[in-house]
Amino acid sequence: MSESEQLEEIEALEAILPDCFTQINTTQPFKYKINIVPNAEGCGDNHVGVDVIFIIPLDYPDNSIPEIEIEITKGLSKKQSEELTELAINTANENIGNPNVFII
């Protein structure tokens, strides 16, 4: 995927997740964070939450997957964070060749 295609994915993520998306690196390799909570619309309390950090390799998604880091922001154990990371990596590997951050 070219740099322009990676930028298109970033723009789409920003549009879909405007309150949750934070771009960290604005040049390649791109790096961004998505904050995930169960009640993102403010409908109820959130007792758990994570920040998912994606580092996008130059050859993503054609030949690689994003580097994925899960940072607990609230209410989860280290073991649960490791399980979420494993699920995210498995999902990325299943979708290699296609932009897959939103799927993850």
Protein backbone atom coordinates (compact mmCIF):
# COMPACT_ATOMS: atom_id res chain seq x y z
CA MET A 1 0.00 0.00 0.00
CA SER A 2 1.38 3.36 -0.89
CA GLU A 3 1.74 6.23 1.53
CA SER A 4 -1.32 7.91 -0.01
CA GLU A 5 -3.41 4.75 0.55
CA GLN A 6 -2.24 4.58 4.16
CA LEU A 7 -3.23 8.25 4.56
CA GLU A 8 -6.67 7.45 3.13
CA GLU A 9 -7.13 4.76 5.78
CA ILE A 10 -6.11 7.27 8.47
CA GLU A 11 -8.60 9.83 7.13
CA ALA A 12 -11.37 7.21 7.15
CA LEU A 13 -10.56 6.21 10.74
CA GLU A 14 -10.57 9.87 11.81
CA ALA A 15 -13.98 10.33 10.19
CA ILE A 16 -15.48 7.17 11.69
CA LEU A 17 -13.93 7.59 15.15
CA PRO A 18 -13.53 11.37 15.60
CA ASP A 19 -13.60 11.34 19.41
CA CYS A 20 -11.44 8.23 19.82
CA PHE A 21 -8.67 8.64 17.22
CA THR A 22 -5.34 10.34 17.94
CA GLN A 23 -2.55 10.46 15.36
CA ILE A 24 0.88 10.27 16.99
CA ASN A 25 3.22 10.18 13.94
CA THR A 26 2.10 12.14 10.91
CA THR A 27 4.86 10.75 8.68
CA GLN A 28 5.77 7.17 7.85
CA PRO A 29 5.86 4.96 9.74
CA PHE A 30 2.47 6.22 10.85
CA LYS A 31 1.49 5.71 14.47
CA TYR A 32 -1.90 6.34 15.99
CA LYS A 33 -4.03 5.50 18.98
CA ILE A 34 -7.69 4.54 19.22
CA ASN A 35 -9.39 4.74 22.60
CA ILE A 36 -11.97 1.99 23.06
CA VAL A 37 -14.65 1.92 25.75
CA PRO A 38 -17.95 0.02 25.83
CA ASN A 39 -20.14 3.13 26.04
CA ALA A 40 -18.43 5.53 23.67
CA GLU A 41 -21.55 7.67 23.23
CA GLY A 42 -21.68 8.53 26.93
CA CYS A 43 -24.66 6.26 27.53
CA GLY A 44 -23.66 4.79 30.87
CA ASP A 45 -20.51 4.35 32.87
CA ASN A 46 -17.39 2.77 31.47
CA HIS A 47 -15.77 0.34 33.87
CA VAL A 48 -13.16 -0.82 31.36
CA GLY A 49 -11.19 0.86 28.62
CA VAL A 50 -8.10 0.48 26.47
CA ASP A 51 -5.98 2.50 24.11
CA VAL A 52 -4.95 0.48 21.07
CA ILE A 53 -1.78 1.81 19.49
CA PHE A 54 -1.01 0.95 15.89
CA ILE A 55 2.39 1.38 14.25
CA ILE A 56 2.03 0.99 10.51
CA PRO A 57 4.96 -0.62 8.62
CA LEU A 58 5.87 0.75 5.20
CA ASP A 59 4.70 -2.47 3.49
CA TYR A 60 1.32 -2.61 5.30
CA PRO A 61 -1.10 -4.16 4.45
CA ASP A 62 0.32 -5.93 1.42
CA ASN A 63 3.02 -7.87 3.26
CA SER A 64 2.67 -7.11 6.96
CA ILE A 65 0.33 -6.27 9.79
CA PRO A 66 0.42 -3.26 12.08
CA GLU A 67 2.40 -3.47 15.27
CA ILE A 68 -0.29 -3.49 17.94
CA GLU A 69 0.04 -2.39 21.56
CA ILE A 70 -2.81 -2.45 24.07
CA GLU A 71 -2.60 -0.03 26.98
CA ILE A 72 -5.14 -0.50 29.75
CA THR A 73 -6.84 2.76 30.70
CA LYS A 74 -9.32 1.28 33.13
CA GLY A 75 -10.45 -1.94 34.75
CA LEU A 76 -8.61 -4.75 32.93
CA SER A 77 -5.86 -7.08 34.05
CA LYS A 78 -2.52 -7.64 32.33
CA LYS A 79 -3.73 -11.12 31.32
CA GLN A 80 -6.83 -9.62 29.67
CA SER A 81 -4.63 -7.11 27.86
CA GLU A 82 -2.47 -9.96 26.55
CA GLU A 83 -5.59 -11.82 25.38
CA LEU A 84 -6.85 -8.71 23.56
CA THR A 85 -3.45 -8.26 21.91
CA GLU A 86 -3.46 -11.89 20.74
CA LEU A 87 -6.98 -11.53 19.31
CA ALA A 88 -6.00 -8.32 17.52
CA ILE A 89 -2.89 -9.89 15.99
CA ASN A 90 -4.84 -12.97 14.87
CA THR A 91 -7.48 -10.76 13.25
CA ALA A 92 -4.80 -8.72 11.49
CA ASN A 93 -3.12 -11.88 10.18
CA GLU A 94 -6.47 -13.17 8.87
CA ASN A 95 -6.90 -9.94 6.91
CA ILE A 96 -3.36 -9.39 5.62
CA GLY A 97 -3.40 -7.80 2.19
CA ASN A 98 -6.30 -5.51 3.07
CA PRO A 99 -6.49 -2.41 5.24
CA ASN A 100 -7.56 -3.96 8.52
CA VAL A 101 -7.28 -1.50 11.42
CA PHE A 102 -11.03 -0.87 11.52
CA ILE A 103 -11.69 -4.63 11.51
CA ILE A 104 -9.31 -5.11 14.41
